[in-house]
């Protein structure tokens, strides 16, 4: 699970591990099959599309490219782009179920980032879902989850067909108080 840059970095790590496993010759210390579900909150998954948006918001292109080790690295650090490469597509089938969450009023990373990643994942056969939260901004999902029950309960409702363990894992990370409430029921 990750939020914002954490969603980006964790999705990159998950994809890299799936790529290693798909090659079947490399030594691995853990397997993506050990992960029951991946949760991405307010993430950016295609840096090639986000660099101009970040520039317009004050994270200037030159600084962003310096942080990302140059423009040539944007492709490498864009999981939405990488999973479409012919040699990497086999790795998609190894990915766990992916749940993306994004606020529709997110100005830091537009909700379109999660929408486009979802469409790409689904087109390539990954099990992925997206829940959009109307009127929520970049931090609302993360900050309000820890203090209010409305957001986590909507998330739980969206996962209803899944195992309760996935619900509990999400709540354990985001909202321990709501998890305790759920366990008492």
N, C-alpha and C. Protein backbone atom coordinates (compact mmCIF):
# COMPACT_ATOMS: atom_id res chain seq x y z
N UNK A 1 0.84 -1.18 0.00
CA UNK A 1 0.00 0.00 0.00
C UNK A 1 0.88 1.24 0.00
N UNK A 2 0.41 2.26 -0.69
CA UNK A 2 1.12 3.52 -0.68
C UNK A 2 0.17 4.65 -1.02
N UNK A 3 0.55 5.86 -0.60
CA UNK A 3 -0.23 7.05 -0.90
C UNK A 3 0.68 8.05 -1.60
N UNK A 4 0.20 8.66 -2.67
CA UNK A 4 0.92 9.66 -3.43
C UNK A 4 2.22 9.06 -3.99
N UNK A 5 3.37 9.63 -3.62
CA UNK A 5 4.64 9.08 -4.09
C UNK A 5 4.83 7.66 -3.59
N UNK A 6 4.27 7.35 -2.42
CA UNK A 6 4.35 5.99 -1.90
C UNK A 6 3.59 5.00 -2.77
N UNK A 7 2.46 5.44 -3.34
CA UNK A 7 1.71 4.58 -4.27
C UNK A 7 2.53 4.36 -5.53
N UNK A 8 3.19 5.42 -5.99
CA UNK A 8 4.03 5.31 -7.18
C UNK A 8 5.20 4.36 -6.94
N UNK A 9 5.93 4.58 -5.86
CA UNK A 9 7.12 3.77 -5.58
C UNK A 9 6.75 2.32 -5.32
N UNK A 10 5.70 2.09 -4.54
CA UNK A 10 5.32 0.70 -4.24
C UNK A 10 4.80 -0.02 -5.49
N UNK A 11 4.12 0.69 -6.39
CA UNK A 11 3.68 0.05 -7.63
C UNK A 11 4.87 -0.28 -8.53
N UNK A 12 5.88 0.59 -8.53
CA UNK A 12 7.12 0.30 -9.27
C UNK A 12 7.80 -0.94 -8.71
N UNK A 13 7.90 -1.02 -7.38
CA UNK A 13 8.55 -2.18 -6.74
C UNK A 13 7.79 -3.47 -7.02
N UNK A 14 6.47 -3.40 -6.96
CA UNK A 14 5.64 -4.57 -7.22
C UNK A 14 5.83 -5.05 -8.66
N UNK A 15 5.82 -4.13 -9.61
CA UNK A 15 6.00 -4.49 -11.01
C UNK A 15 7.40 -5.05 -11.25
N UNK A 16 8.42 -4.42 -10.67
CA UNK A 16 9.79 -4.93 -10.84
C UNK A 16 9.91 -6.36 -10.35
N UNK A 17 9.28 -6.65 -9.22
CA UNK A 17 9.34 -8.01 -8.69
C UNK A 17 8.62 -8.99 -9.61
N UNK A 18 7.47 -8.58 -10.13
CA UNK A 18 6.72 -9.44 -11.07
C UNK A 18 7.54 -9.69 -12.33
N UNK A 19 8.26 -8.68 -12.79
CA UNK A 19 9.11 -8.84 -13.98
C UNK A 19 10.21 -9.86 -13.70
N UNK A 20 10.85 -9.75 -12.54
CA UNK A 20 11.89 -10.73 -12.16
C UNK A 20 11.32 -12.14 -12.14
N UNK A 21 10.15 -12.30 -11.55
CA UNK A 21 9.53 -13.63 -11.45
C UNK A 21 9.15 -14.17 -12.82
N UNK A 22 8.69 -13.30 -13.71
CA UNK A 22 8.28 -13.74 -15.04
C UNK A 22 9.46 -14.25 -15.86
N UNK A 23 10.65 -13.73 -15.58
CA UNK A 23 11.86 -14.17 -16.29
C UNK A 23 12.28 -15.57 -15.87
N UNK A 24 11.88 -16.02 -14.73
CA UNK A 24 12.09 -17.37 -14.20
C UNK A 24 13.54 -17.82 -14.11
N UNK A 25 14.48 -16.93 -14.18
CA UNK A 25 15.86 -17.35 -14.03
C UNK A 25 16.56 -16.61 -12.91
N UNK A 26 15.95 -15.53 -12.50
CA UNK A 26 16.58 -14.69 -11.50
C UNK A 26 16.25 -15.17 -10.09
N UNK A 27 17.19 -14.98 -9.22
CA UNK A 27 16.99 -15.32 -7.81
C UNK A 27 16.09 -14.25 -7.18
N UNK A 28 15.10 -14.70 -6.42
CA UNK A 28 14.20 -13.76 -5.75
C UNK A 28 14.15 -14.07 -4.26
N UNK A 29 13.96 -13.02 -3.48
CA UNK A 29 13.89 -13.21 -2.02
C UNK A 29 12.44 -13.17 -1.53
N UNK A 30 11.52 -12.70 -2.36
CA UNK A 30 10.10 -12.69 -2.03
C UNK A 30 9.32 -12.78 -3.33
N UNK A 31 8.05 -13.12 -3.22
CA UNK A 31 7.23 -13.32 -4.40
C UNK A 31 5.99 -12.44 -4.36
N UNK A 32 5.60 -11.93 -5.52
CA UNK A 32 4.38 -11.13 -5.57
C UNK A 32 3.16 -11.96 -5.19
N UNK A 33 3.25 -13.26 -5.30
CA UNK A 33 2.13 -14.12 -4.90
C UNK A 33 1.92 -14.12 -3.39
N UNK A 34 2.89 -13.61 -2.64
CA UNK A 34 2.75 -13.49 -1.19
C UNK A 34 1.86 -12.30 -0.82
N UNK A 35 1.62 -11.42 -1.76
CA UNK A 35 0.83 -10.23 -1.51
C UNK A 35 -0.60 -10.50 -1.95
N UNK A 36 -1.53 -10.34 -1.03
CA UNK A 36 -2.94 -10.65 -1.31
C UNK A 36 -3.65 -9.56 -2.09
N UNK A 37 -3.23 -8.31 -1.90
CA UNK A 37 -3.83 -7.19 -2.62
C UNK A 37 -2.91 -5.99 -2.51
N UNK A 38 -2.99 -5.12 -3.49
CA UNK A 38 -2.22 -3.88 -3.50
C UNK A 38 -3.21 -2.72 -3.46
N UNK A 39 -2.97 -1.76 -2.57
CA UNK A 39 -3.81 -0.56 -2.45
C UNK A 39 -2.98 0.66 -2.84
N UNK A 40 -3.45 1.42 -3.81
CA UNK A 40 -2.79 2.65 -4.22
C UNK A 40 -3.72 3.83 -4.02
N UNK A 41 -3.33 4.77 -3.17
CA UNK A 41 -4.14 5.95 -2.87
C UNK A 41 -3.51 7.18 -3.52
N UNK A 42 -4.26 7.87 -4.36
CA UNK A 42 -3.85 9.15 -4.94
C UNK A 42 -2.49 9.07 -5.62
N UNK A 43 -2.25 7.99 -6.34
CA UNK A 43 -0.94 7.76 -6.93
C UNK A 43 -0.80 8.30 -8.34
N UNK A 44 0.46 8.48 -8.73
CA UNK A 44 0.82 8.85 -10.09
C UNK A 44 1.56 7.69 -10.72
N UNK A 45 1.05 7.14 -11.80
CA UNK A 45 1.60 5.91 -12.36
C UNK A 45 2.19 6.08 -13.75
N UNK A 46 2.14 7.31 -14.29
CA UNK A 46 2.73 7.59 -15.59
C UNK A 46 3.42 8.95 -15.50
N UNK A 47 4.70 8.93 -15.17
CA UNK A 47 5.43 10.18 -14.97
C UNK A 47 5.58 10.98 -16.26
N UNK A 48 5.59 10.29 -17.40
CA UNK A 48 5.68 10.99 -18.68
C UNK A 48 4.50 11.95 -18.85
N UNK A 49 3.34 11.57 -18.35
CA UNK A 49 2.16 12.43 -18.45
C UNK A 49 2.08 13.44 -17.31
N UNK A 50 2.75 13.18 -16.21
CA UNK A 50 2.62 14.05 -15.04
C UNK A 50 3.68 15.15 -14.97
N UNK A 51 4.77 15.03 -15.69
CA UNK A 51 5.86 15.99 -15.55
C UNK A 51 5.40 17.42 -15.85
N UNK A 52 4.59 17.62 -16.88
CA UNK A 52 4.10 18.98 -17.19
C UNK A 52 3.10 19.46 -16.15
N UNK A 53 2.27 18.54 -15.64
CA UNK A 53 1.33 18.91 -14.58
C UNK A 53 2.09 19.37 -13.33
N UNK A 54 3.11 18.61 -12.95
CA UNK A 54 3.92 18.99 -11.78
C UNK A 54 4.56 20.35 -12.00
N UNK A 55 5.07 20.60 -13.20
CA UNK A 55 5.70 21.88 -13.52
C UNK A 55 4.71 23.03 -13.32
N UNK A 56 3.47 22.84 -13.77
CA UNK A 56 2.45 23.89 -13.63
C UNK A 56 2.05 24.11 -12.17
N UNK A 57 2.32 23.13 -11.31
CA UNK A 57 1.96 23.23 -9.90
C UNK A 57 3.13 23.68 -9.02
N UNK A 58 4.30 23.95 -9.64
CA UNK A 58 5.43 24.47 -8.87
C UNK A 58 6.57 23.49 -8.67
N UNK A 59 6.40 22.23 -9.04
CA UNK A 59 7.51 21.28 -9.02
C UNK A 59 8.10 21.33 -10.43
N UNK A 60 9.02 22.28 -10.60
CA UNK A 60 9.49 22.63 -11.93
C UNK A 60 10.16 21.45 -12.62
N UNK A 61 9.95 21.42 -13.93
CA UNK A 61 10.42 20.33 -14.77
C UNK A 61 11.90 20.01 -14.51
N UNK A 62 12.74 21.03 -14.49
CA UNK A 62 14.18 20.79 -14.31
C UNK A 62 14.47 20.13 -12.96
N UNK A 63 13.79 20.56 -11.91
CA UNK A 63 13.98 19.95 -10.59
C UNK A 63 13.45 18.52 -10.57
N UNK A 64 12.27 18.32 -11.13
CA UNK A 64 11.67 16.98 -11.16
C UNK A 64 12.56 16.01 -11.94
N UNK A 65 13.05 16.45 -13.09
CA UNK A 65 13.91 15.58 -13.89
C UNK A 65 15.22 15.28 -13.18
N UNK A 66 15.71 16.23 -12.41
CA UNK A 66 16.92 16.00 -11.62
C UNK A 66 16.66 14.95 -10.54
N UNK A 67 15.53 15.06 -9.87
CA UNK A 67 15.15 14.08 -8.85
C UNK A 67 15.00 12.69 -9.46
N UNK A 68 14.42 12.64 -10.65
CA UNK A 68 14.12 11.35 -11.31
C UNK A 68 15.29 10.82 -12.13
N UNK A 69 16.46 11.43 -12.03
CA UNK A 69 17.66 10.99 -12.75
C UNK A 69 17.54 11.18 -14.26
N UNK A 70 16.87 12.23 -14.68
CA UNK A 70 16.79 12.57 -16.09
C UNK A 70 15.53 12.09 -16.78
N UNK A 71 15.26 12.71 -17.92
CA UNK A 71 14.04 12.41 -18.66
C UNK A 71 13.97 10.97 -19.13
N UNK A 72 15.12 10.38 -19.44
CA UNK A 72 15.14 8.99 -19.90
C UNK A 72 14.66 8.02 -18.81
N UNK A 73 14.70 8.42 -17.56
CA UNK A 73 14.24 7.55 -16.47
C UNK A 73 12.73 7.58 -16.27
N UNK A 74 12.06 8.57 -16.84
CA UNK A 74 10.61 8.68 -16.63
C UNK A 74 9.88 7.43 -17.13
N UNK A 75 10.33 6.89 -18.24
CA UNK A 75 9.71 5.67 -18.78
C UNK A 75 9.91 4.51 -17.80
N UNK A 76 11.12 4.37 -17.30
CA UNK A 76 11.46 3.27 -16.39
C UNK A 76 10.66 3.34 -15.09
N UNK A 77 10.36 4.54 -14.65
CA UNK A 77 9.64 4.72 -13.38
C UNK A 77 8.15 5.02 -13.60
N UNK A 78 7.60 4.55 -14.69
CA UNK A 78 6.18 4.72 -15.00
C UNK A 78 5.54 3.35 -15.19
N UNK A 79 5.00 2.76 -14.13
CA UNK A 79 4.46 1.41 -14.25
C UNK A 79 3.36 1.28 -15.31
N UNK A 80 2.57 2.32 -15.49
CA UNK A 80 1.52 2.26 -16.52
C UNK A 80 2.13 2.07 -17.91
N UNK A 81 3.26 2.68 -18.15
CA UNK A 81 3.94 2.57 -19.44
C UNK A 81 4.68 1.23 -19.55
N UNK A 82 5.39 0.86 -18.50
CA UNK A 82 6.21 -0.35 -18.54
C UNK A 82 5.40 -1.61 -18.76
N UNK A 83 4.22 -1.72 -18.16
CA UNK A 83 3.46 -2.97 -18.30
C UNK A 83 2.97 -3.19 -19.72
N UNK A 84 3.06 -2.16 -20.55
CA UNK A 84 2.63 -2.30 -21.94
C UNK A 84 3.74 -2.78 -22.86
N UNK A 85 4.96 -2.85 -22.35
CA UNK A 85 6.08 -3.34 -23.16
C UNK A 85 5.88 -4.83 -23.45
N UNK A 86 6.10 -5.25 -24.69
CA UNK A 86 5.87 -6.65 -25.05
C UNK A 86 6.61 -7.66 -24.16
N UNK A 87 7.83 -7.39 -23.79
CA UNK A 87 8.59 -8.33 -22.97
C UNK A 87 8.19 -8.37 -21.51
N UNK A 88 7.35 -7.44 -21.10
CA UNK A 88 6.98 -7.34 -19.69
C UNK A 88 5.53 -7.78 -19.45
N UNK A 89 4.76 -7.90 -20.48
CA UNK A 89 3.34 -8.21 -20.32
C UNK A 89 3.09 -9.51 -19.56
N UNK A 90 4.00 -10.47 -19.64
CA UNK A 90 3.83 -11.73 -18.90
C UNK A 90 3.79 -11.50 -17.39
N UNK A 91 4.45 -10.45 -16.94
CA UNK A 91 4.50 -10.15 -15.51
C UNK A 91 3.14 -9.71 -14.97
N UNK A 92 2.29 -9.17 -15.83
CA UNK A 92 0.99 -8.65 -15.39
C UNK A 92 0.15 -9.75 -14.74
N UNK A 93 0.20 -10.95 -15.28
CA UNK A 93 -0.61 -12.04 -14.73
C UNK A 93 -0.18 -12.44 -13.32
N UNK A 94 1.02 -12.05 -12.92
CA UNK A 94 1.52 -12.38 -11.58
C UNK A 94 1.09 -11.37 -10.52
N UNK A 95 0.61 -10.21 -10.96
CA UNK A 95 0.26 -9.15 -10.01
C UNK A 95 -0.94 -9.55 -9.16
N UNK A 96 -0.94 -9.12 -7.88
CA UNK A 96 -2.11 -9.38 -7.02
C UNK A 96 -3.26 -8.47 -7.45
N UNK A 97 -4.46 -8.68 -6.91
CA UNK A 97 -5.55 -7.74 -7.16
C UNK A 97 -5.11 -6.32 -6.77
N UNK A 98 -5.44 -5.37 -7.60
CA UNK A 98 -5.02 -3.99 -7.40
C UNK A 98 -6.24 -3.12 -7.16
N UNK A 99 -6.24 -2.41 -6.04
CA UNK A 99 -7.32 -1.48 -5.70
C UNK A 99 -6.73 -0.07 -5.69
N UNK A 100 -7.26 0.77 -6.55
CA UNK A 100 -6.82 2.16 -6.62
C UNK A 100 -7.92 3.05 -6.05
N UNK A 101 -7.50 4.09 -5.35
CA UNK A 101 -8.42 5.04 -4.74
C UNK A 101 -7.93 6.44 -5.09
N UNK A 102 -8.86 7.33 -5.47
CA UNK A 102 -8.44 8.68 -5.83
C UNK A 102 -9.60 9.64 -5.59
N UNK A 103 -9.28 10.83 -5.12
CA UNK A 103 -10.28 11.88 -4.96
C UNK A 103 -10.46 12.63 -6.27
N UNK A 104 -11.69 12.98 -6.60
CA UNK A 104 -11.96 13.67 -7.87
C UNK A 104 -11.50 15.12 -7.85
N UNK A 105 -11.25 15.68 -6.67
CA UNK A 105 -10.79 17.06 -6.56
C UNK A 105 -9.30 17.15 -6.24
N UNK A 106 -8.56 16.12 -6.60
CA UNK A 106 -7.11 16.07 -6.36
C UNK A 106 -6.41 16.95 -7.39
N UNK A 107 -5.79 18.03 -6.94
CA UNK A 107 -5.04 18.90 -7.83
C UNK A 107 -3.56 18.54 -7.88
N UNK A 108 -3.08 17.79 -6.90
CA UNK A 108 -1.67 17.41 -6.87
C UNK A 108 -1.36 16.35 -7.92
N UNK A 109 -2.16 15.31 -7.94
CA UNK A 109 -2.08 14.26 -8.97
C UNK A 109 -3.52 14.04 -9.43
N UNK A 110 -3.84 14.41 -10.65
CA UNK A 110 -5.23 14.28 -11.11
C UNK A 110 -5.73 12.84 -11.06
N UNK A 111 -7.01 12.69 -10.80
CA UNK A 111 -7.63 11.36 -10.74
C UNK A 111 -7.47 10.61 -12.06
N UNK A 112 -7.26 11.33 -13.14
CA UNK A 112 -7.03 10.69 -14.45
C UNK A 112 -5.84 9.74 -14.40
N UNK A 113 -4.88 10.02 -13.53
CA UNK A 113 -3.72 9.13 -13.41
C UNK A 113 -4.14 7.73 -12.99
N UNK A 114 -5.00 7.64 -12.00
CA UNK A 114 -5.49 6.33 -11.55
C UNK A 114 -6.44 5.72 -12.58
N UNK A 115 -7.26 6.55 -13.22
CA UNK A 115 -8.20 6.04 -14.24
C UNK A 115 -7.44 5.39 -15.39
N UNK A 116 -6.41 6.07 -15.87
CA UNK A 116 -5.65 5.56 -17.01
C UNK A 116 -4.86 4.31 -16.63
N UNK A 117 -4.32 4.27 -15.42
CA UNK A 117 -3.60 3.08 -14.96
C UNK A 117 -4.57 1.90 -14.87
N UNK A 118 -5.75 2.16 -14.33
CA UNK A 118 -6.78 1.11 -14.24
C UNK A 118 -7.11 0.56 -15.62
N UNK A 119 -7.37 1.45 -16.57
CA UNK A 119 -7.73 1.01 -17.93
C UNK A 119 -6.63 0.16 -18.54
N UNK A 120 -5.39 0.56 -18.34
CA UNK A 120 -4.26 -0.20 -18.88
C UNK A 120 -4.15 -1.56 -18.21
N UNK A 121 -4.25 -1.58 -16.89
CA UNK A 121 -4.18 -2.86 -16.16
C UNK A 121 -5.27 -3.81 -16.62
N UNK A 122 -6.50 -3.32 -16.70
CA UNK A 122 -7.62 -4.18 -17.10
C UNK A 122 -7.48 -4.66 -18.54
N UNK A 123 -7.03 -3.79 -19.42
CA UNK A 123 -6.84 -4.17 -20.82
C UNK A 123 -5.82 -5.29 -20.96
N UNK A 124 -4.83 -5.30 -20.06
CA UNK A 124 -3.78 -6.31 -20.11
C UNK A 124 -4.12 -7.55 -19.28
N UNK A 125 -5.30 -7.57 -18.67
CA UNK A 125 -5.76 -8.76 -17.97
C UNK A 125 -5.54 -8.78 -16.47
N UNK A 126 -5.06 -7.70 -15.90
CA UNK A 126 -4.88 -7.64 -14.44
C UNK A 126 -6.23 -7.44 -13.77
N UNK A 127 -6.35 -7.95 -12.55
CA UNK A 127 -7.56 -7.72 -11.76
C UNK A 127 -7.36 -6.40 -11.03
N UNK A 128 -8.06 -5.37 -11.48
CA UNK A 128 -7.88 -4.04 -10.90
C UNK A 128 -9.22 -3.32 -10.81
N UNK A 129 -9.34 -2.51 -9.77
CA UNK A 129 -10.54 -1.71 -9.56
C UNK A 129 -10.13 -0.31 -9.11
N UNK A 130 -10.99 0.65 -9.36
CA UNK A 130 -10.76 2.03 -8.95
C UNK A 130 -12.01 2.54 -8.26
N UNK A 131 -11.80 3.18 -7.12
CA UNK A 131 -12.89 3.86 -6.42
C UNK A 131 -12.54 5.34 -6.39
N UNK A 132 -13.43 6.15 -6.96
CA UNK A 132 -13.26 7.59 -6.95
C UNK A 132 -14.11 8.18 -5.84
N UNK A 133 -13.53 9.12 -5.11
CA UNK A 133 -14.23 9.79 -4.01
C UNK A 133 -14.54 11.22 -4.44
N UNK A 134 -15.82 11.47 -4.69
CA UNK A 134 -16.27 12.76 -5.18
C UNK A 134 -15.93 13.88 -4.19
N UNK A 135 -15.27 14.90 -4.71
CA UNK A 135 -14.95 16.07 -3.90
C UNK A 135 -13.76 15.93 -2.97
N UNK A 136 -13.13 14.77 -2.93
CA UNK A 136 -11.98 14.58 -2.03
C UNK A 136 -10.70 15.01 -2.75
N UNK A 137 -9.78 15.61 -1.98
CA UNK A 137 -8.53 16.08 -2.57
C UNK A 137 -7.39 15.07 -2.35
N UNK A 138 -6.17 15.52 -2.53
CA UNK A 138 -5.02 14.61 -2.52
C UNK A 138 -4.79 13.95 -1.16
N UNK A 139 -5.06 14.66 -0.09
CA UNK A 139 -4.78 14.10 1.24
C UNK A 139 -6.03 13.67 2.00
N UNK A 140 -7.20 14.01 1.51
CA UNK A 140 -8.44 13.65 2.23
C UNK A 140 -8.54 12.15 2.50
N UNK A 141 -8.22 11.34 1.52
CA UNK A 141 -8.36 9.89 1.70
C UNK A 141 -7.46 9.39 2.81
N UNK A 142 -6.26 9.93 2.87
CA UNK A 142 -5.29 9.46 3.86
C UNK A 142 -5.56 10.06 5.24
N UNK A 143 -5.77 11.35 5.32
CA UNK A 143 -5.95 12.01 6.61
C UNK A 143 -7.30 11.70 7.24
N UNK A 144 -8.37 11.68 6.44
CA UNK A 144 -9.69 11.43 6.99
C UNK A 144 -9.91 9.96 7.32
N UNK A 145 -9.20 9.08 6.64
CA UNK A 145 -9.36 7.65 6.93
C UNK A 145 -9.00 7.36 8.37
N UNK A 146 -8.01 8.07 8.89
CA UNK A 146 -7.56 7.76 10.25
C UNK A 146 -8.48 8.33 11.33
N UNK A 147 -9.39 9.24 10.96
CA UNK A 147 -10.22 9.86 11.99
C UNK A 147 -11.72 9.68 11.78
N UNK A 148 -12.13 9.32 10.58
CA UNK A 148 -13.55 9.16 10.29
C UNK A 148 -13.82 7.78 9.72
N UNK A 149 -15.01 7.30 9.93
CA UNK A 149 -15.36 5.97 9.46
C UNK A 149 -15.93 5.97 8.05
N UNK A 150 -16.34 7.14 7.52
CA UNK A 150 -17.03 7.14 6.23
C UNK A 150 -16.17 6.62 5.09
N UNK A 151 -14.94 7.09 4.96
CA UNK A 151 -14.09 6.64 3.86
C UNK A 151 -13.73 5.16 3.98
N UNK A 152 -13.23 4.68 5.15
CA UNK A 152 -12.91 3.25 5.19
C UNK A 152 -14.12 2.35 5.00
N UNK A 153 -15.28 2.78 5.47
CA UNK A 153 -16.46 1.94 5.31
C UNK A 153 -16.90 1.88 3.85
N UNK A 154 -16.71 2.97 3.10
CA UNK A 154 -16.97 2.93 1.65
C UNK A 154 -16.00 1.96 1.00
N UNK A 155 -14.75 2.00 1.42
CA UNK A 155 -13.75 1.09 0.86
C UNK A 155 -14.11 -0.35 1.19
N UNK A 156 -14.50 -0.60 2.42
CA UNK A 156 -14.90 -1.96 2.81
C UNK A 156 -16.09 -2.42 1.97
N UNK A 157 -17.07 -1.54 1.80
CA UNK A 157 -18.23 -1.90 1.00
C UNK A 157 -17.86 -2.25 -0.43
N UNK A 158 -16.85 -1.57 -0.97
CA UNK A 158 -16.43 -1.86 -2.33
C UNK A 158 -15.71 -3.19 -2.43
N UNK A 159 -15.19 -3.66 -1.32
CA UNK A 159 -14.45 -4.92 -1.31
C UNK A 159 -15.30 -6.08 -0.83
N UNK A 160 -16.58 -5.84 -0.62
CA UNK A 160 -17.45 -6.84 0.00
C UNK A 160 -17.31 -8.25 -0.57
N UNK A 161 -17.18 -8.44 -1.87
CA UNK A 161 -17.07 -9.81 -2.37
C UNK A 161 -15.75 -10.49 -2.01
N UNK A 162 -14.79 -9.74 -1.59
CA UNK A 162 -13.47 -10.29 -1.29
C UNK A 162 -13.40 -10.87 0.12
N UNK A 163 -12.27 -11.49 0.40
CA UNK A 163 -12.03 -12.04 1.73
C UNK A 163 -12.03 -10.93 2.77
N UNK A 164 -12.49 -11.27 3.98
CA UNK A 164 -12.45 -10.29 5.06
C UNK A 164 -11.01 -9.93 5.42
N UNK A 165 -10.08 -10.82 5.16
CA UNK A 165 -8.68 -10.54 5.49
C UNK A 165 -8.15 -9.33 4.72
N UNK A 166 -8.59 -9.15 3.48
CA UNK A 166 -8.15 -7.99 2.71
C UNK A 166 -8.71 -6.73 3.35
N UNK A 167 -9.97 -6.76 3.77
CA UNK A 167 -10.58 -5.60 4.44
C UNK A 167 -9.76 -5.27 5.69
N UNK A 168 -9.48 -6.28 6.46
CA UNK A 168 -8.76 -6.08 7.72
C UNK A 168 -7.35 -5.54 7.48
N UNK A 169 -6.70 -6.03 6.43
CA UNK A 169 -5.35 -5.54 6.13
C UNK A 169 -5.37 -4.05 5.82
N UNK A 170 -6.35 -3.64 5.02
CA UNK A 170 -6.46 -2.22 4.68
C UNK A 170 -6.72 -1.40 5.93
N UNK A 171 -7.65 -1.85 6.74
CA UNK A 171 -7.99 -1.10 7.95
C UNK A 171 -6.87 -1.09 8.97
N UNK A 172 -6.14 -2.17 9.06
CA UNK A 172 -5.03 -2.23 10.00
C UNK A 172 -4.01 -1.15 9.68
N UNK A 173 -3.80 -0.93 8.40
CA UNK A 173 -2.83 0.08 7.97
C UNK A 173 -3.40 1.48 8.13
N UNK A 174 -4.64 1.69 7.71
CA UNK A 174 -5.20 3.05 7.62
C UNK A 174 -6.01 3.50 8.81
N UNK A 175 -6.70 2.58 9.42
CA UNK A 175 -7.67 3.01 10.42
C UNK A 175 -7.85 1.93 11.49
N UNK A 176 -6.90 1.79 12.39
CA UNK A 176 -6.99 0.74 13.40
C UNK A 176 -8.27 0.81 14.24
N UNK A 177 -8.78 2.00 14.48
CA UNK A 177 -10.00 2.13 15.28
C UNK A 177 -11.18 1.49 14.55
N UNK A 178 -11.29 1.73 13.25
CA UNK A 178 -12.37 1.12 12.46
C UNK A 178 -12.21 -0.39 12.41
N UNK A 179 -10.98 -0.88 12.37
CA UNK A 179 -10.74 -2.32 12.37
C UNK A 179 -11.25 -2.93 13.66
N UNK A 180 -10.97 -2.31 14.78
CA UNK A 180 -11.46 -2.82 16.06
C UNK A 180 -12.98 -2.86 16.07
N UNK A 181 -13.60 -1.81 15.55
CA UNK A 181 -15.06 -1.76 15.46
C UNK A 181 -15.59 -2.92 14.60
N UNK A 182 -14.93 -3.19 13.49
CA UNK A 182 -15.35 -4.26 12.59
C UNK A 182 -15.21 -5.63 13.27
N UNK A 183 -14.14 -5.82 14.02
CA UNK A 183 -13.90 -7.10 14.68
C UNK A 183 -14.91 -7.37 15.79
N UNK A 184 -15.44 -6.30 16.40
CA UNK A 184 -16.43 -6.45 17.46
C UNK A 184 -17.78 -6.90 16.92
N UNK A 185 -18.05 -6.63 15.64
CA UNK A 185 -19.35 -6.98 15.05
C UNK A 185 -19.47 -8.45 14.79
